[in-house]
Amino acid sequence: MATATVKGYLTIRKKINHDSVQISGSTFIEVIRKLVSEYPVLEGELLNEDMNLKGDYIYLLNGRNVEFVNKEETLIEDGDKISIFPPIGGG
């Protein structure tokens, strides 16, 4: 099991009242599930009813979108940085 730094932007930062937190896990989804476990206010925000990632956010691991790596099953290594960006729209 590795420890990653999770950094949430905008909505996430406001809800957890921290710029970043340290979370341990083996896979990306495990880290996000633990984040939600520690901050229940994020439950409906990041995970759907099946406890999988909601598609509303952009999830990066060390600057790379996890959709293009190994999705939720992407392995985590010590020192990894996870960034969570809310959808941004406008026009």
N, C-alpha and C. Protein backbone atom coordinates (compact mmCIF):
# COMPACT_ATOMS: atom_id res chain seq x y z
N MET A 1 0.85 -1.17 0.00
CA MET A 1 0.00 0.00 0.00
C MET A 1 0.90 1.23 0.00
N ALA A 2 0.50 2.22 -0.81
CA ALA A 2 1.27 3.44 -0.95
C ALA A 2 0.46 4.64 -0.46
N THR A 3 1.15 5.75 -0.24
CA THR A 3 0.49 6.97 0.20
C THR A 3 0.58 8.02 -0.89
N ALA A 4 -0.56 8.59 -1.25
CA ALA A 4 -0.63 9.62 -2.27
C ALA A 4 -1.15 10.91 -1.66
N THR A 5 -0.79 12.02 -2.27
CA THR A 5 -1.34 13.32 -1.90
C THR A 5 -2.51 13.59 -2.81
N VAL A 6 -3.67 13.83 -2.22
CA VAL A 6 -4.88 14.13 -2.99
C VAL A 6 -5.17 15.60 -2.86
N LYS A 7 -5.28 16.27 -4.00
CA LYS A 7 -5.55 17.70 -4.02
C LYS A 7 -6.85 17.92 -4.78
N GLY A 8 -7.81 18.53 -4.11
CA GLY A 8 -9.08 18.86 -4.74
C GLY A 8 -9.13 20.33 -5.07
N TYR A 9 -9.81 20.65 -6.14
CA TYR A 9 -9.92 22.04 -6.56
C TYR A 9 -11.36 22.51 -6.43
N LEU A 10 -11.51 23.79 -6.22
CA LEU A 10 -12.80 24.47 -6.13
C LEU A 10 -13.76 23.80 -5.15
N THR A 11 -14.76 23.11 -5.65
CA THR A 11 -15.80 22.52 -4.80
C THR A 11 -15.22 21.56 -3.76
N ILE A 12 -14.32 20.70 -4.19
CA ILE A 12 -13.75 19.69 -3.29
C ILE A 12 -13.00 20.38 -2.16
N ARG A 13 -12.17 21.33 -2.48
CA ARG A 13 -11.38 22.05 -1.47
C ARG A 13 -12.29 22.70 -0.43
N LYS A 14 -13.37 23.30 -0.89
CA LYS A 14 -14.31 23.94 0.03
C LYS A 14 -14.98 22.92 0.94
N LYS A 15 -15.31 21.76 0.40
CA LYS A 15 -16.04 20.75 1.18
C LYS A 15 -15.17 20.07 2.22
N ILE A 16 -13.87 19.85 1.92
CA ILE A 16 -13.02 19.16 2.90
C ILE A 16 -12.21 20.14 3.75
N ASN A 17 -12.22 21.44 3.36
CA ASN A 17 -11.55 22.48 4.12
C ASN A 17 -10.04 22.27 4.22
N HIS A 18 -9.45 21.65 3.20
CA HIS A 18 -8.00 21.43 3.12
C HIS A 18 -7.56 21.60 1.67
N ASP A 19 -6.34 22.05 1.48
CA ASP A 19 -5.79 22.12 0.12
C ASP A 19 -5.48 20.73 -0.40
N SER A 20 -4.93 19.89 0.49
CA SER A 20 -4.59 18.52 0.10
C SER A 20 -4.57 17.63 1.34
N VAL A 21 -4.71 16.33 1.11
CA VAL A 21 -4.67 15.34 2.19
C VAL A 21 -3.86 14.14 1.73
N GLN A 22 -3.31 13.42 2.70
CA GLN A 22 -2.55 12.20 2.43
C GLN A 22 -3.48 11.01 2.63
N ILE A 23 -3.57 10.14 1.62
CA ILE A 23 -4.42 8.96 1.68
C ILE A 23 -3.62 7.76 1.18
N SER A 24 -3.75 6.63 1.86
CA SER A 24 -3.07 5.40 1.46
C SER A 24 -4.01 4.48 0.70
N GLY A 25 -3.44 3.74 -0.25
CA GLY A 25 -4.22 2.78 -1.02
C GLY A 25 -3.35 2.12 -2.06
N SER A 26 -3.85 1.05 -2.64
CA SER A 26 -3.12 0.32 -3.67
C SER A 26 -3.49 0.77 -5.08
N THR A 27 -4.77 1.15 -5.25
CA THR A 27 -5.25 1.57 -6.56
C THR A 27 -5.90 2.95 -6.45
N PHE A 28 -6.09 3.56 -7.59
CA PHE A 28 -6.69 4.89 -7.62
C PHE A 28 -8.06 4.89 -6.96
N ILE A 29 -8.91 3.93 -7.31
CA ILE A 29 -10.26 3.90 -6.75
C ILE A 29 -10.24 3.65 -5.24
N GLU A 30 -9.28 2.88 -4.78
CA GLU A 30 -9.17 2.64 -3.33
C GLU A 30 -8.85 3.93 -2.59
N VAL A 31 -7.97 4.74 -3.16
CA VAL A 31 -7.63 6.02 -2.54
C VAL A 31 -8.85 6.95 -2.52
N ILE A 32 -9.58 7.00 -3.62
CA ILE A 32 -10.76 7.87 -3.67
C ILE A 32 -11.83 7.38 -2.70
N ARG A 33 -12.02 6.08 -2.61
CA ARG A 33 -13.00 5.53 -1.65
C ARG A 33 -12.61 5.87 -0.21
N LYS A 34 -11.32 5.81 0.10
CA LYS A 34 -10.87 6.16 1.45
C LYS A 34 -11.05 7.66 1.70
N LEU A 35 -10.81 8.46 0.68
CA LEU A 35 -11.03 9.91 0.79
C LEU A 35 -12.49 10.18 1.14
N VAL A 36 -13.40 9.52 0.43
CA VAL A 36 -14.82 9.70 0.69
C VAL A 36 -15.19 9.17 2.08
N SER A 37 -14.54 8.10 2.50
CA SER A 37 -14.79 7.55 3.83
C SER A 37 -14.38 8.54 4.92
N GLU A 38 -13.25 9.22 4.71
CA GLU A 38 -12.78 10.21 5.68
C GLU A 38 -13.56 11.52 5.61
N TYR A 39 -14.10 11.82 4.44
CA TYR A 39 -14.86 13.05 4.23
C TYR A 39 -16.20 12.68 3.59
N PRO A 40 -17.15 12.19 4.39
CA PRO A 40 -18.45 11.72 3.87
C PRO A 40 -19.21 12.75 3.04
N VAL A 41 -18.89 14.02 3.21
CA VAL A 41 -19.55 15.07 2.44
C VAL A 41 -19.29 14.89 0.94
N LEU A 42 -18.26 14.12 0.58
CA LEU A 42 -17.91 13.89 -0.82
C LEU A 42 -18.59 12.67 -1.42
N GLU A 43 -19.35 11.92 -0.61
CA GLU A 43 -19.90 10.65 -1.06
C GLU A 43 -20.65 10.74 -2.39
N GLY A 44 -21.64 11.57 -2.48
CA GLY A 44 -22.40 11.68 -3.73
C GLY A 44 -21.69 12.52 -4.78
N GLU A 45 -20.64 13.19 -4.36
CA GLU A 45 -19.91 14.08 -5.25
C GLU A 45 -18.96 13.31 -6.18
N LEU A 46 -18.19 12.38 -5.63
CA LEU A 46 -17.15 11.70 -6.40
C LEU A 46 -17.50 10.27 -6.81
N LEU A 47 -18.35 9.61 -6.02
CA LEU A 47 -18.66 8.20 -6.28
C LEU A 47 -20.15 8.02 -6.57
N ASN A 48 -20.45 7.09 -7.47
CA ASN A 48 -21.85 6.76 -7.74
C ASN A 48 -22.33 5.71 -6.74
N GLU A 49 -23.54 5.19 -6.94
CA GLU A 49 -24.13 4.22 -6.01
C GLU A 49 -23.32 2.93 -5.91
N ASP A 50 -22.60 2.59 -7.00
CA ASP A 50 -21.79 1.37 -7.02
C ASP A 50 -20.38 1.59 -6.47
N MET A 51 -20.15 2.79 -5.91
CA MET A 51 -18.84 3.15 -5.34
C MET A 51 -17.75 3.23 -6.41
N ASN A 52 -18.15 3.59 -7.63
CA ASN A 52 -17.20 3.83 -8.72
C ASN A 52 -17.15 5.33 -9.00
N LEU A 53 -16.10 5.76 -9.69
CA LEU A 53 -15.93 7.18 -9.98
C LEU A 53 -17.09 7.72 -10.80
N LYS A 54 -17.58 8.88 -10.41
CA LYS A 54 -18.57 9.58 -11.22
C LYS A 54 -17.82 10.27 -12.35
N GLY A 55 -18.44 10.33 -13.49
CA GLY A 55 -17.79 10.93 -14.65
C GLY A 55 -17.83 12.44 -14.67
N ASP A 56 -18.33 13.03 -13.62
CA ASP A 56 -18.47 14.49 -13.58
C ASP A 56 -17.14 15.22 -13.40
N TYR A 57 -16.16 14.55 -12.87
CA TYR A 57 -14.88 15.19 -12.55
C TYR A 57 -13.76 14.68 -13.45
N ILE A 58 -12.68 15.44 -13.49
CA ILE A 58 -11.45 15.02 -14.17
C ILE A 58 -10.50 14.57 -13.08
N TYR A 59 -10.02 13.32 -13.19
CA TYR A 59 -9.14 12.73 -12.19
C TYR A 59 -7.75 12.54 -12.80
N LEU A 60 -6.75 13.19 -12.19
CA LEU A 60 -5.39 13.10 -12.69
C LEU A 60 -4.51 12.38 -11.68
N LEU A 61 -3.59 11.58 -12.20
CA LEU A 61 -2.56 10.95 -11.38
C LEU A 61 -1.22 11.41 -11.93
N ASN A 62 -0.51 12.20 -11.14
CA ASN A 62 0.76 12.78 -11.57
C ASN A 62 0.61 13.52 -12.90
N GLY A 63 -0.50 14.23 -13.04
CA GLY A 63 -0.73 15.05 -14.22
C GLY A 63 -1.33 14.33 -15.41
N ARG A 64 -1.55 13.02 -15.30
CA ARG A 64 -2.12 12.24 -16.41
C ARG A 64 -3.54 11.80 -16.05
N ASN A 65 -4.46 11.98 -16.98
CA ASN A 65 -5.84 11.57 -16.77
C ASN A 65 -5.90 10.06 -16.60
N VAL A 66 -6.50 9.58 -15.50
CA VAL A 66 -6.54 8.13 -15.24
C VAL A 66 -7.34 7.38 -16.29
N GLU A 67 -8.20 8.09 -17.02
CA GLU A 67 -8.95 7.45 -18.11
C GLU A 67 -8.01 6.90 -19.18
N PHE A 68 -6.83 7.50 -19.30
CA PHE A 68 -5.88 7.10 -20.33
C PHE A 68 -4.73 6.25 -19.78
N VAL A 69 -4.80 5.91 -18.50
CA VAL A 69 -3.77 5.06 -17.90
C VAL A 69 -4.41 3.69 -17.72
N ASN A 70 -4.95 3.41 -16.55
CA ASN A 70 -5.61 2.13 -16.30
C ASN A 70 -6.92 2.37 -15.55
N LYS A 71 -7.49 3.54 -15.78
CA LYS A 71 -8.76 3.95 -15.17
C LYS A 71 -8.72 3.79 -13.66
N GLU A 72 -9.79 3.27 -13.07
CA GLU A 72 -9.91 3.16 -11.62
C GLU A 72 -8.88 2.20 -11.02
N GLU A 73 -8.41 1.26 -11.80
CA GLU A 73 -7.49 0.25 -11.29
C GLU A 73 -6.02 0.67 -11.42
N THR A 74 -5.77 1.91 -11.77
CA THR A 74 -4.40 2.41 -11.86
C THR A 74 -3.72 2.25 -10.52
N LEU A 75 -2.53 1.66 -10.53
CA LEU A 75 -1.78 1.42 -9.30
C LEU A 75 -1.19 2.71 -8.75
N ILE A 76 -1.15 2.79 -7.43
CA ILE A 76 -0.62 3.96 -6.73
C ILE A 76 0.75 3.62 -6.16
N GLU A 77 1.68 4.57 -6.28
CA GLU A 77 3.01 4.43 -5.69
C GLU A 77 3.21 5.56 -4.68
N ASP A 78 4.09 5.32 -3.70
CA ASP A 78 4.38 6.35 -2.70
C ASP A 78 4.77 7.65 -3.39
N GLY A 79 4.19 8.74 -2.92
CA GLY A 79 4.52 10.06 -3.43
C GLY A 79 3.69 10.50 -4.62
N ASP A 80 2.79 9.63 -5.12
CA ASP A 80 1.94 10.03 -6.24
C ASP A 80 1.07 11.22 -5.84
N LYS A 81 0.71 12.00 -6.85
CA LYS A 81 -0.14 13.15 -6.64
C LYS A 81 -1.43 12.96 -7.45
N ILE A 82 -2.55 13.03 -6.73
CA ILE A 82 -3.87 12.91 -7.35
C ILE A 82 -4.52 14.29 -7.32
N SER A 83 -5.00 14.71 -8.48
CA SER A 83 -5.71 15.98 -8.58
C SER A 83 -7.13 15.71 -9.06
N ILE A 84 -8.09 16.40 -8.47
CA ILE A 84 -9.49 16.23 -8.82
C ILE A 84 -10.03 17.59 -9.23
N PHE A 85 -10.42 17.69 -10.51
CA PHE A 85 -10.95 18.95 -11.05
C PHE A 85 -12.44 18.80 -11.34
N PRO A 86 -13.23 19.76 -10.89
CA PRO A 86 -14.66 19.74 -11.22
C PRO A 86 -14.87 20.11 -12.68
N PRO A 87 -16.01 19.74 -13.22
CA PRO A 87 -16.30 20.15 -14.60
C PRO A 87 -16.44 21.67 -14.67
N ILE A 88 -15.97 22.22 -15.74
CA ILE A 88 -16.06 23.66 -15.92
C ILE A 88 -16.75 23.91 -17.25
N GLY A 89 -17.75 24.72 -17.21
CA GLY A 89 -18.48 25.03 -18.43
C GLY A 89 -18.72 26.51 -18.52
N GLY A 90 -19.15 26.90 -19.61
CA GLY A 90 -19.46 28.32 -19.78
C GLY A 90 -19.71 28.61 -21.25
N GLY A 91 -19.86 29.82 -21.47
CA GLY A 91 -20.05 30.15 -22.88
C GLY A 91 -20.68 31.48 -23.08
